[in-house]
Amino acid sequence: NGSVIKGVVIEQIPGVSLKMQTNDGSIFAYKMEDVEKIT
């Protein structure tokens, strides 16, 4: 959808979902079908 999130991937289920922790300590979950790429 064009969003860019910077942080640390703390959990990843291949092909299903991942969780990312941003620099302020917040944790967000995303479905892999919504992810374009991780760098």
Full PDB file with SEQRES, HELIX, SHEET, SSBOND, CRYST1, ORIGX, SCALE, CONECT and MASTER records, all heavy atoms in Angstrom:
SEQRES   1 A   39  ASN GLY SER VAL ILE LYS GLY VAL VAL ILE GLU GLN ILE          
SEQRES   2 A   39  PRO GLY VAL SER LEU LYS MET GLN THR ASN ASP GLY SER          
SEQRES   3 A   39  ILE PHE ALA TYR LYS MET GLU ASP VAL GLU LYS ILE THR          
HELIX    1 AA1 MET A   32  ASP A   34  5                                   3    
SHEET    1 AA1 3 VAL A   8  ILE A  13  0                                        
SHEET    2 AA1 3 SER A  17  GLN A  21 -1                                        
SHEET    3 AA1 3 ILE A  27  LYS A  31 -1                                        
CRYST1    1.000    1.000    1.000  90.00  90.00  90.00 P 1           1          
ORIGX1      1.000000  0.000000  0.000000        0.00000                         
ORIGX2      0.000000  1.000000  0.000000        0.00000                         
ORIGX3      0.000000  0.000000  1.000000        0.00000                         
SCALE1      1.000000  0.000000  0.000000        0.00000                         
SCALE2      0.000000  1.000000  0.000000        0.00000                         
SCALE3      0.000000  0.000000  1.000000        0.00000                         
ATOM      1  N   ASN A   1       0.814  -1.217   0.000  1.00  0.00           N  
ATOM      2  CA  ASN A   1       0.000   0.000   0.000  1.00  0.00           C  
ATOM      3  C   ASN A   1       0.850   1.271   0.000  1.00  0.00           C  
ATOM      4  O   ASN A   1       0.331   2.384   0.090  1.00  0.00           O  
ATOM      5  CB  ASN A   1      -0.958   0.011   1.195  1.00  0.00           C  
ATOM      6  CG  ASN A   1      -0.226   0.045   2.534  1.00  0.00           C  
ATOM      7  OD1 ASN A   1       0.989   0.216   2.584  1.00  0.00           O  
ATOM      8  ND2 ASN A   1      -0.969  -0.139   3.605  1.00  0.00           N  
ATOM      9  N   GLY A   2       2.194   1.094  -0.086  1.00  0.00           N  
ATOM     10  CA  GLY A   2       3.081   2.242  -0.145  1.00  0.00           C  
ATOM     11  C   GLY A   2       3.718   2.623   1.180  1.00  0.00           C  
ATOM     12  O   GLY A   2       4.622   3.475   1.214  1.00  0.00           O  
ATOM     13  N   SER A   3       3.291   2.026   2.282  1.00  0.00           N  
ATOM     14  CA  SER A   3       3.850   2.348   3.594  1.00  0.00           C  
ATOM     15  C   SER A   3       5.261   1.785   3.732  1.00  0.00           C  
ATOM     16  O   SER A   3       5.586   0.726   3.174  1.00  0.00           O  
ATOM     17  CB  SER A   3       2.960   1.783   4.701  1.00  0.00           C  
ATOM     18  OG  SER A   3       1.660   2.343   4.642  1.00  0.00           O  
ATOM     19  N   VAL A   4       6.099   2.489   4.483  1.00  0.00           N  
ATOM     20  CA  VAL A   4       7.473   2.056   4.762  1.00  0.00           C  
ATOM     21  C   VAL A   4       7.671   2.093   6.265  1.00  0.00           C  
ATOM     22  O   VAL A   4       7.468   3.139   6.902  1.00  0.00           O  
ATOM     23  CB  VAL A   4       8.503   2.965   4.065  1.00  0.00           C  
ATOM     24  CG1 VAL A   4       9.917   2.502   4.402  1.00  0.00           C  
ATOM     25  CG2 VAL A   4       8.291   2.975   2.559  1.00  0.00           C  
ATOM     26  N   ILE A   5       8.076   0.965   6.858  1.00  0.00           N  
ATOM     27  CA  ILE A   5       8.279   0.857   8.305  1.00  0.00           C  
ATOM     28  C   ILE A   5       9.712   0.426   8.567  1.00  0.00           C  
ATOM     29  O   ILE A   5      10.189  -0.555   7.989  1.00  0.00           O  
ATOM     30  CB  ILE A   5       7.290  -0.158   8.941  1.00  0.00           C  
ATOM     31  CG1 ILE A   5       5.853   0.267   8.679  1.00  0.00           C  
ATOM     32  CG2 ILE A   5       7.547  -0.266  10.437  1.00  0.00           C  
ATOM     33  CD1 ILE A   5       5.223  -0.349   7.469  1.00  0.00           C  
ATOM     34  N   LYS A   6      10.384   1.155   9.443  1.00  0.00           N  
ATOM     35  CA  LYS A   6      11.769   0.835   9.804  1.00  0.00           C  
ATOM     36  C   LYS A   6      11.819   0.302  11.228  1.00  0.00           C  
ATOM     37  O   LYS A   6      11.136   0.817  12.118  1.00  0.00           O  
ATOM     38  CB  LYS A   6      12.665   2.064   9.684  1.00  0.00           C  
ATOM     39  CG  LYS A   6      12.816   2.582   8.256  1.00  0.00           C  
ATOM     40  CD  LYS A   6      13.704   3.802   8.210  1.00  0.00           C  
ATOM     41  CE  LYS A   6      13.845   4.325   6.787  1.00  0.00           C  
ATOM     42  NZ  LYS A   6      14.641   3.402   5.957  1.00  0.00           N  
ATOM     43  N   GLY A   7      12.632  -0.730  11.448  1.00  0.00           N  
ATOM     44  CA  GLY A   7      12.758  -1.306  12.779  1.00  0.00           C  
ATOM     45  C   GLY A   7      13.488  -2.630  12.739  1.00  0.00           C  
ATOM     46  O   GLY A   7      14.438  -2.798  11.966  1.00  0.00           O  
ATOM     47  N   VAL A   8      13.012  -3.588  13.536  1.00  0.00           N  
ATOM     48  CA  VAL A   8      13.639  -4.907  13.632  1.00  0.00           C  
ATOM     49  C   VAL A   8      12.565  -5.979  13.554  1.00  0.00           C  
ATOM     50  O   VAL A   8      11.571  -5.925  14.274  1.00  0.00           O  
ATOM     51  CB  VAL A   8      14.419  -5.060  14.962  1.00  0.00           C  
ATOM     52  CG1 VAL A   8      14.997  -6.475  15.080  1.00  0.00           C  
ATOM     53  CG2 VAL A   8      15.520  -4.030  15.064  1.00  0.00           C  
ATOM     54  N   VAL A   9      12.738  -6.929  12.645  1.00  0.00           N  
ATOM     55  CA  VAL A   9      11.817  -8.059  12.556  1.00  0.00           C  
ATOM     56  C   VAL A   9      12.111  -8.998  13.723  1.00  0.00           C  
ATOM     57  O   VAL A   9      13.191  -9.569  13.821  1.00  0.00           O  
ATOM     58  CB  VAL A   9      11.967  -8.812  11.216  1.00  0.00           C  
ATOM     59  CG1 VAL A   9      11.070 -10.047  11.195  1.00  0.00           C  
ATOM     60  CG2 VAL A   9      11.611  -7.886  10.047  1.00  0.00           C  
ATOM     61  N   ILE A  10      11.160  -9.152  14.629  1.00  0.00           N  
ATOM     62  CA  ILE A  10      11.376  -9.968  15.824  1.00  0.00           C  
ATOM     63  C   ILE A  10      10.738 -11.350  15.712  1.00  0.00           C  
ATOM     64  O   ILE A  10      11.024 -12.226  16.530  1.00  0.00           O  
ATOM     65  CB  ILE A  10      10.852  -9.250  17.092  1.00  0.00           C  
ATOM     66  CG1 ILE A  10       9.359  -8.955  16.966  1.00  0.00           C  
ATOM     67  CG2 ILE A  10      11.649  -7.978  17.344  1.00  0.00           C  
ATOM     68  CD1 ILE A  10       8.747  -8.379  18.238  1.00  0.00           C  
ATOM     69  N   GLU A  11       9.875 -11.532  14.732  1.00  0.00           N  
ATOM     70  CA  GLU A  11       9.262 -12.852  14.526  1.00  0.00           C  
ATOM     71  C   GLU A  11       8.796 -12.948  13.084  1.00  0.00           C  
ATOM     72  O   GLU A  11       8.253 -11.988  12.532  1.00  0.00           O  
ATOM     73  CB  GLU A  11       8.077 -13.058  15.472  1.00  0.00           C  
ATOM     74  CG  GLU A  11       7.384 -14.404  15.320  1.00  0.00           C  
ATOM     75  CD  GLU A  11       6.210 -14.561  16.263  1.00  0.00           C  
ATOM     76  OE1 GLU A  11       6.441 -14.598  17.494  1.00  0.00           O  
ATOM     77  OE2 GLU A  11       5.066 -14.621  15.772  1.00  0.00           O  
ATOM     78  N   GLN A  12       9.049 -14.090  12.462  1.00  0.00           N  
ATOM     79  CA  GLN A  12       8.617 -14.269  11.079  1.00  0.00           C  
ATOM     80  C   GLN A  12       8.195 -15.707  10.846  1.00  0.00           C  
ATOM     81  O   GLN A  12       8.932 -16.642  11.151  1.00  0.00           O  
ATOM     82  CB  GLN A  12       9.735 -13.884  10.109  1.00  0.00           C  
ATOM     83  CG  GLN A  12       9.328 -13.982   8.648  1.00  0.00           C  
ATOM     84  CD  GLN A  12      10.366 -13.391   7.715  1.00  0.00           C  
ATOM     85  OE1 GLN A  12      11.356 -12.827   8.162  1.00  0.00           O  
ATOM     86  NE2 GLN A  12      10.161 -13.527   6.423  1.00  0.00           N  
ATOM     87  N   ILE A  13       6.985 -15.865  10.321  1.00  0.00           N  
ATOM     88  CA  ILE A  13       6.481 -17.173   9.898  1.00  0.00           C  
ATOM     89  C   ILE A  13       6.485 -17.156   8.378  1.00  0.00           C  
ATOM     90  O   ILE A  13       5.685 -16.436   7.766  1.00  0.00           O  
ATOM     91  CB  ILE A  13       5.072 -17.442  10.440  1.00  0.00           C  
ATOM     92  CG1 ILE A  13       5.066 -17.366  11.969  1.00  0.00           C  
ATOM     93  CG2 ILE A  13       4.585 -18.813   9.979  1.00  0.00           C  
ATOM     94  CD1 ILE A  13       3.687 -17.504  12.583  1.00  0.00           C  
ATOM     95  N   PRO A  14       7.418 -17.890   7.747  1.00  0.00           N  
ATOM     96  CA  PRO A  14       7.563 -17.822   6.288  1.00  0.00           C  
ATOM     97  C   PRO A  14       6.250 -18.019   5.554  1.00  0.00           C  
ATOM     98  O   PRO A  14       5.523 -18.989   5.777  1.00  0.00           O  
ATOM     99  CB  PRO A  14       8.562 -18.952   5.982  1.00  0.00           C  
ATOM    100  CG  PRO A  14       9.353 -19.095   7.243  1.00  0.00           C  
ATOM    101  CD  PRO A  14       8.376 -18.830   8.346  1.00  0.00           C  
ATOM    102  N   GLY A  15       5.928 -17.054   4.676  1.00  0.00           N  
ATOM    103  CA  GLY A  15       4.737 -17.140   3.853  1.00  0.00           C  
ATOM    104  C   GLY A  15       3.442 -16.802   4.564  1.00  0.00           C  
ATOM    105  O   GLY A  15       2.375 -16.808   3.942  1.00  0.00           O  
ATOM    106  N   VAL A  16       3.514 -16.492   5.883  1.00  0.00           N  
ATOM    107  CA  VAL A  16       2.283 -16.245   6.647  1.00  0.00           C  
ATOM    108  C   VAL A  16       2.251 -14.828   7.223  1.00  0.00           C  
ATOM    109  O   VAL A  16       1.401 -14.009   6.854  1.00  0.00           O  
ATOM    110  CB  VAL A  16       2.118 -17.277   7.778  1.00  0.00           C  
ATOM    111  CG1 VAL A  16       0.821 -17.002   8.560  1.00  0.00           C  
ATOM    112  CG2 VAL A  16       2.094 -18.682   7.206  1.00  0.00           C  
ATOM    113  N   SER A  17       3.180 -14.528   8.138  1.00  0.00           N  
ATOM    114  CA  SER A  17       3.141 -13.230   8.811  1.00  0.00           C  
ATOM    115  C   SER A  17       4.498 -12.892   9.404  1.00  0.00           C  
ATOM    116  O   SER A  17       5.418 -13.723   9.445  1.00  0.00           O  
ATOM    117  CB  SER A  17       2.089 -13.248   9.924  1.00  0.00           C  
ATOM    118  OG  SER A  17       2.463 -14.182  10.937  1.00  0.00           O  
ATOM    119  N   LEU A  18       4.624 -11.643   9.872  1.00  0.00           N  
ATOM    120  CA  LEU A  18       5.828 -11.214  10.587  1.00  0.00           C  
ATOM    121  C   LEU A  18       5.449 -10.133  11.577  1.00  0.00           C  
ATOM    122  O   LEU A  18       4.401  -9.478  11.451  1.00  0.00           O  
ATOM    123  CB  LEU A  18       6.911 -10.726   9.622  1.00  0.00           C  
ATOM    124  CG  LEU A  18       6.653  -9.497   8.744  1.00  0.00           C  
ATOM    125  CD1 LEU A  18       6.847  -8.187   9.495  1.00  0.00           C  
ATOM    126  CD2 LEU A  18       7.575  -9.525   7.540  1.00  0.00           C  
ATOM    127  N   LYS A  19       6.332  -9.950  12.572  1.00  0.00           N  
ATOM    128  CA  LYS A  19       6.168  -8.886  13.559  1.00  0.00           C  
ATOM    129  C   LYS A  19       7.412  -8.002  13.519  1.00  0.00           C  
ATOM    130  O   LYS A  19       8.531  -8.515  13.464  1.00  0.00           O  
ATOM    131  CB  LYS A  19       5.978  -9.457  14.966  1.00  0.00           C  
ATOM    132  CG  LYS A  19       4.659 -10.176  15.184  1.00  0.00           C  
ATOM    133  CD  LYS A  19       4.516 -10.663  16.615  1.00  0.00           C  
ATOM    134  CE  LYS A  19       3.183 -11.384  16.815  1.00  0.00           C  
ATOM    135  NZ  LYS A  19       3.041 -11.898  18.220  1.00  0.00           N  
ATOM    136  N   MET A  20       7.193  -6.683  13.556  1.00  0.00           N  
ATOM    137  CA  MET A  20       8.306  -5.734  13.519  1.00  0.00           C  
ATOM    138  C   MET A  20       8.225  -4.806  14.716  1.00  0.00           C  
ATOM    139  O   MET A  20       7.146  -4.292  15.054  1.00  0.00           O  
ATOM    140  CB  MET A  20       8.297  -4.927  12.221  1.00  0.00           C  
ATOM    141  CG  MET A  20       9.320  -3.802  12.182  1.00  0.00           C  
ATOM    142  SD  MET A  20       9.544  -3.092  10.543  1.00  0.00           S  
ATOM    143  CE  MET A  20      10.690  -4.266   9.823  1.00  0.00           C  
ATOM    144  N   GLN A  21       9.388  -4.598  15.359  1.00  0.00           N  
ATOM    145  CA  GLN A  21       9.490  -3.657  16.472  1.00  0.00           C  
ATOM    146  C   GLN A  21      10.187  -2.392  15.976  1.00  0.00           C  
ATOM    147  O   GLN A  21      11.302  -2.443  15.467  1.00  0.00           O  
ATOM    148  CB  GLN A  21      10.274  -4.263  17.639  1.00  0.00           C  
ATOM    149  CG  GLN A  21      10.381  -3.331  18.837  1.00  0.00           C  
ATOM    150  CD  GLN A  21      11.045  -4.011  20.025  1.00  0.00           C  
ATOM    151  OE1 GLN A  21      11.402  -5.181  19.966  1.00  0.00           O  
ATOM    152  NE2 GLN A  21      11.226  -3.281  21.102  1.00  0.00           N  
ATOM    153  N   THR A  22       9.523  -1.250  16.134  1.00  0.00           N  
ATOM    154  CA  THR A  22      10.091   0.020  15.696  1.00  0.00           C  
ATOM    155  C   THR A  22      10.982   0.596  16.788  1.00  0.00           C  
ATOM    156  O   THR A  22      11.040   0.073  17.914  1.00  0.00           O  
ATOM    157  CB  THR A  22       8.978   1.016  15.350  1.00  0.00           C  
ATOM    158  OG1 THR A  22       8.119   1.185  16.489  1.00  0.00           O  
ATOM    159  CG2 THR A  22       8.150   0.501  14.183  1.00  0.00           C  
ATOM    160  N   ASN A  23      11.700   1.688  16.462  1.00  0.00           N  
ATOM    161  CA  ASN A  23      12.674   2.254  17.401  1.00  0.00           C  
ATOM    162  C   ASN A  23      12.057   2.755  18.697  1.00  0.00           C  
ATOM    163  O   ASN A  23      12.748   2.902  19.706  1.00  0.00           O  
ATOM    164  CB  ASN A  23      13.447   3.383  16.724  1.00  0.00           C  
ATOM    165  CG  ASN A  23      14.402   2.870  15.667  1.00  0.00           C  
ATOM    166  OD1 ASN A  23      14.830   1.725  15.718  1.00  0.00           O  
ATOM    167  ND2 ASN A  23      14.734   3.712  14.704  1.00  0.00           N  
ATOM    168  N   ASP A  24      10.762   3.065  18.698  1.00  0.00           N  
ATOM    169  CA  ASP A  24      10.119   3.529  19.925  1.00  0.00           C  
ATOM    170  C   ASP A  24       9.591   2.383  20.778  1.00  0.00           C  
ATOM    171  O   ASP A  24       8.957   2.597  21.810  1.00  0.00           O  
ATOM    172  CB  ASP A  24       8.995   4.512  19.599  1.00  0.00           C  
ATOM    173  CG  ASP A  24       7.854   3.862  18.800  1.00  0.00           C  
ATOM    174  OD1 ASP A  24       7.940   2.648  18.508  1.00  0.00           O  
ATOM    175  OD2 ASP A  24       6.898   4.578  18.461  1.00  0.00           O  
ATOM    176  N   GLY A  25       9.849   1.136  20.346  1.00  0.00           N  
ATOM    177  CA  GLY A  25       9.446  -0.032  21.121  1.00  0.00           C  
ATOM    178  C   GLY A  25       8.114  -0.623  20.721  1.00  0.00           C  
ATOM    179  O   GLY A  25       7.722  -1.681  21.232  1.00  0.00           O  
ATOM    180  N   SER A  26       7.380   0.030  19.811  1.00  0.00           N  
ATOM    181  CA  SER A  26       6.074  -0.488  19.384  1.00  0.00           C  
ATOM    182  C   SER A  26       6.257  -1.729  18.512  1.00  0.00           C  
ATOM    183  O   SER A  26       7.226  -1.834  17.762  1.00  0.00           O  
ATOM    184  CB  SER A  26       5.318   0.586  18.598  1.00  0.00           C  
ATOM    185  OG  SER A  26       5.113   1.743  19.389  1.00  0.00           O  
ATOM    186  N   ILE A  27       5.316  -2.653  18.606  1.00  0.00           N  
ATOM    187  CA  ILE A  27       5.353  -3.896  17.828  1.00  0.00           C  
ATOM    188  C   ILE A  27       4.129  -3.965  16.931  1.00  0.00           C  
ATOM    189  O   ILE A  27       3.000  -3.767  17.385  1.00  0.00           O  
ATOM    190  CB  ILE A  27       5.413  -5.119  18.754  1.00  0.00           C  
ATOM    191  CG1 ILE A  27       6.706  -5.099  19.590  1.00  0.00           C  
ATOM    192  CG2 ILE A  27       5.342  -6.415  17.937  1.00  0.00           C  
ATOM    193  CD1 ILE A  27       6.798  -6.234  20.591  1.00  0.00           C  
ATOM    194  N   PHE A  28       4.358  -4.223  15.635  1.00  0.00           N  
ATOM    195  CA  PHE A  28       3.280  -4.302  14.665  1.00  0.00           C  
ATOM    196  C   PHE A  28       3.348  -5.637  13.948  1.00  0.00           C  
ATOM    197  O   PHE A  28       4.424  -6.154  13.678  1.00  0.00           O  
ATOM    198  CB  PHE A  28       3.384  -3.159  13.647  1.00  0.00           C  
ATOM    199  CG  PHE A  28       3.333  -1.785  14.261  1.00  0.00           C  
ATOM    200  CD1 PHE A  28       4.508  -1.124  14.603  1.00  0.00           C  
ATOM    201  CD2 PHE A  28       2.121  -1.164  14.500  1.00  0.00           C  
ATOM    202  CE1 PHE A  28       4.469   0.140  15.176  1.00  0.00           C  
ATOM    203  CE2 PHE A  28       2.066   0.104  15.066  1.00  0.00           C  
ATOM    204  CZ  PHE A  28       3.245   0.755  15.408  1.00  0.00           C  
ATOM    205  N   ALA A  29       2.184  -6.183  13.614  1.00  0.00           N  
ATOM    206  CA  ALA A  29       2.090  -7.462  12.903  1.00  0.00           C  
ATOM    207  C   ALA A  29       1.548  -7.227  11.493  1.00  0.00           C  
ATOM    208  O   ALA A  29       0.650  -6.396  11.293  1.00  0.00           O  
ATOM    209  CB  ALA A  29       1.186  -8.427  13.665  1.00  0.00           C  
ATOM    210  N   TYR A  30       2.100  -7.958  10.525  1.00  0.00           N  
ATOM    211  CA  TYR A  30       1.689  -7.812   9.131  1.00  0.00           C  
ATOM    212  C   TYR A  30       1.564  -9.189   8.488  1.00  0.00           C  
ATOM    213  O   TYR A  30       2.315 -10.108   8.811  1.00  0.00           O  
ATOM    214  CB  TYR A  30       2.714  -6.985   8.343  1.00  0.00           C  
ATOM    215  CG  TYR A  30       2.953  -5.608   8.913  1.00  0.00           C  
ATOM    216  CD1 TYR A  30       4.006  -5.385   9.791  1.00  0.00           C  
ATOM    217  CD2 TYR A  30       2.123  -4.542   8.576  1.00  0.00           C  
ATOM    218  CE1 TYR A  30       4.228  -4.124  10.328  1.00  0.00           C  
ATOM    219  CE2 TYR A  30       2.342  -3.276   9.105  1.00  0.00           C  
ATOM    220  CZ  TYR A  30       3.389  -3.070   9.982  1.00  0.00           C  
ATOM    221  OH  TYR A  30       3.615  -1.832  10.517  1.00  0.00           O  
ATOM    222  N   LYS A  31       0.611  -9.294   7.556  1.00  0.00           N  
ATOM    223  CA  LYS A  31       0.493 -10.509   6.764  1.00  0.00           C  
ATOM    224  C   LYS A  31       1.491 -10.445   5.615  1.00  0.00           C  
ATOM    225  O   LYS A  31       1.698  -9.383   5.021  1.00  0.00           O  
ATOM    226  CB  LYS A  31      -0.923 -10.656   6.223  1.00  0.00           C  
ATOM    227  CG  LYS A  31      -1.987 -10.870   7.299  1.00  0.00           C  
ATOM    228  CD  LYS A  31      -3.359 -11.023   6.667  1.00  0.00           C  
ATOM    229  CE  LYS A  31      -4.420 -11.259   7.732  1.00  0.00           C  
ATOM    230  NZ  LYS A  31      -5.776 -11.391   7.129  1.00  0.00           N  
ATOM    231  N   MET A  32       2.125 -11.569   5.297  1.00  0.00           N  
ATOM    232  CA  MET A  32       3.125 -11.586   4.231  1.00  0.00           C  
ATOM    233  C   MET A  32       2.514 -11.227   2.872  1.00  0.00           C  
ATOM    234  O   MET A  32       3.202 -10.691   2.003  1.00  0.00           O  
ATOM    235  CB  MET A  32       3.792 -12.957   4.152  1.00  0.00           C  
ATOM    236  CG  MET A  32       4.665 -13.301   5.359  1.00  0.00           C  
ATOM    237  SD  MET A  32       5.971 -12.085   5.657  1.00  0.00           S  
ATOM    238  CE  MET A  32       6.933 -12.242   4.153  1.00  0.00           C  
ATOM    239  N   GLU A  33       1.208 -11.454   2.704  1.00  0.00           N  
ATOM    240  CA  GLU A  33       0.566 -11.115   1.436  1.00  0.00           C  
ATOM    241  C   GLU A  33       0.494  -9.603   1.219  1.00  0.00           C  
ATOM    242  O   GLU A  33       0.291  -9.128   0.090  1.00  0.00           O  
ATOM    243  CB  GLU A  33      -0.834 -11.715   1.374  1.00  0.00           C  
ATOM    244  CG  GLU A  33      -1.783 -11.187   2.439  1.00  0.00           C  
ATOM    245  CD  GLU A  33      -3.100 -11.933   2.486  1.00  0.00           C  
ATOM    246  OE1 GLU A  33      -3.104 -13.150   2.211  1.00  0.00           O  
ATOM    247  OE2 GLU A  33      -4.122 -11.296   2.802  1.00  0.00           O  
ATOM    248  N   ASP A  34       0.691  -8.822   2.313  1.00  0.00           N  
ATOM    249  CA  ASP A  34       0.674  -7.366   2.220  1.00  0.00           C  
ATOM    250  C   ASP A  34       2.070  -6.775   2.083  1.00  0.00           C  
ATOM    251  O   ASP A  34       2.218  -5.559   1.945  1.00  0.00           O  
ATOM    252  CB  ASP A  34       0.002  -6.764   3.455  1.00  0.00           C  
ATOM    253  CG  ASP A  34      -1.450  -7.188   3.594  1.00  0.00           C  
ATOM    254  OD1 ASP A  34      -2.111  -7.361   2.543  1.00  0.00           O  
ATOM    255  OD2 ASP A  34      -1.911  -7.352   4.735  1.00  0.00           O  
ATOM    256  N   VAL A  35       3.111  -7.638   2.143  1.00  0.00           N  
ATOM    257  CA  VAL A  35       4.501  -7.167   2.126  1.00  0.00           C  
ATOM    258  C   VAL A  35       5.054  -7.226   0.706  1.00  0.00           C  
ATOM    259  O   VAL A  35       4.954  -8.252   0.028  1.00  0.00           O  
ATOM    260  CB  VAL A  35       5.378  -8.024   3.068  1.00  0.00           C  
ATOM    261  CG1 VAL A  35       6.848  -7.583   2.975  1.00  0.00           C  
ATOM    262  CG2 VAL A  35       4.881  -7.888   4.506  1.00  0.00           C  
ATOM    263  N   GLU A  36       5.671  -6.120   0.271  1.00  0.00           N  
ATOM    264  CA  GLU A  36       6.321  -6.091  -1.036  1.00  0.00           C  
ATOM    265  C   GLU A  36       7.749  -6.580  -0.946  1.00  0.00           C  
ATOM    266  O   GLU A  36       8.182  -7.419  -1.727  1.00  0.00           O  
ATOM    267  CB  GLU A  36       6.289  -4.673  -1.605  1.00  0.00           C  
ATOM    268  CG  GLU A  36       6.946  -4.555  -2.977  1.00  0.00           C  
ATOM    269  CD  GLU A  36       6.873  -3.153  -3.546  1.00  0.00           C  
ATOM    270  OE1 GLU A  36       6.043  -2.358  -3.061  1.00  0.00           O  
ATOM    271  OE2 GLU A  36       7.650  -2.842  -4.476  1.00  0.00           O  
ATOM    272  N   LYS A  37       8.507  -6.081   0.047  1.00  0.00           N  
ATOM    273  CA  LYS A  37       9.899  -6.515   0.232  1.00  0.00           C  
ATOM    274  C   LYS A  37      10.397  -6.071   1.598  1.00  0.00           C  
ATOM    275  O   LYS A  37       9.816  -5.190   2.237  1.00  0.00           O  
ATOM    276  CB  LYS A  37      10.806  -5.961  -0.864  1.00  0.00           C  
ATOM    277  CG  LYS A  37      10.935  -4.449  -0.861  1.00  0.00           C  
ATOM    278  CD  LYS A  37      11.888  -3.981  -1.961  1.00  0.00           C  
ATOM    279  CE  LYS A  37      12.013  -2.450  -1.979  1.00  0.00           C  
ATOM    280  NZ  LYS A  37      12.966  -1.977  -3.019  1.00  0.00           N  
ATOM    281  N   ILE A  38      11.507  -6.725   2.042  1.00  0.00           N  
ATOM    282  CA  ILE A  38      12.187  -6.362   3.291  1.00  0.00           C  
ATOM    283  C   ILE A  38      13.655  -6.150   2.958  1.00  0.00           C  
ATOM    284  O   ILE A  38      14.292  -6.998   2.337  1.00  0.00           O  
ATOM    285  CB  ILE A  38      12.050  -7.469   4.359  1.00  0.00           C  
ATOM    286  CG1 ILE A  38      10.573  -7.783   4.618  1.00  0.00           C  
ATOM    287  CG2 ILE A  38      12.734  -7.047   5.660  1.00  0.00           C  
ATOM    288  CD1 ILE A  38      10.355  -8.964   5.536  1.00  0.00           C  
ATOM    289  N   THR A  39      14.199  -5.013   3.371  1.00  0.00           N  
ATOM    290  CA  THR A  39      15.605  -4.709   3.121  1.00  0.00           C  
ATOM    291  C   THR A  39      16.282  -4.281   4.409  1.00  0.00           C  
ATOM    292  O   THR A  39      15.631  -4.013   5.417  1.00  0.00           O  
ATOM    293  CB  THR A  39      15.749  -3.585   2.079  1.00  0.00           C  
ATOM    294  OG1 THR A  39      15.187  -2.373   2.617  1.00  0.00           O  
ATOM    295  CG2 THR A  39      15.049  -3.944   0.785  1.00  0.00           C  
TER     296      THR A  39                                                      
MASTER        0    0    0    1    3    0    0    6  295    1    0    3          
END                                                                             
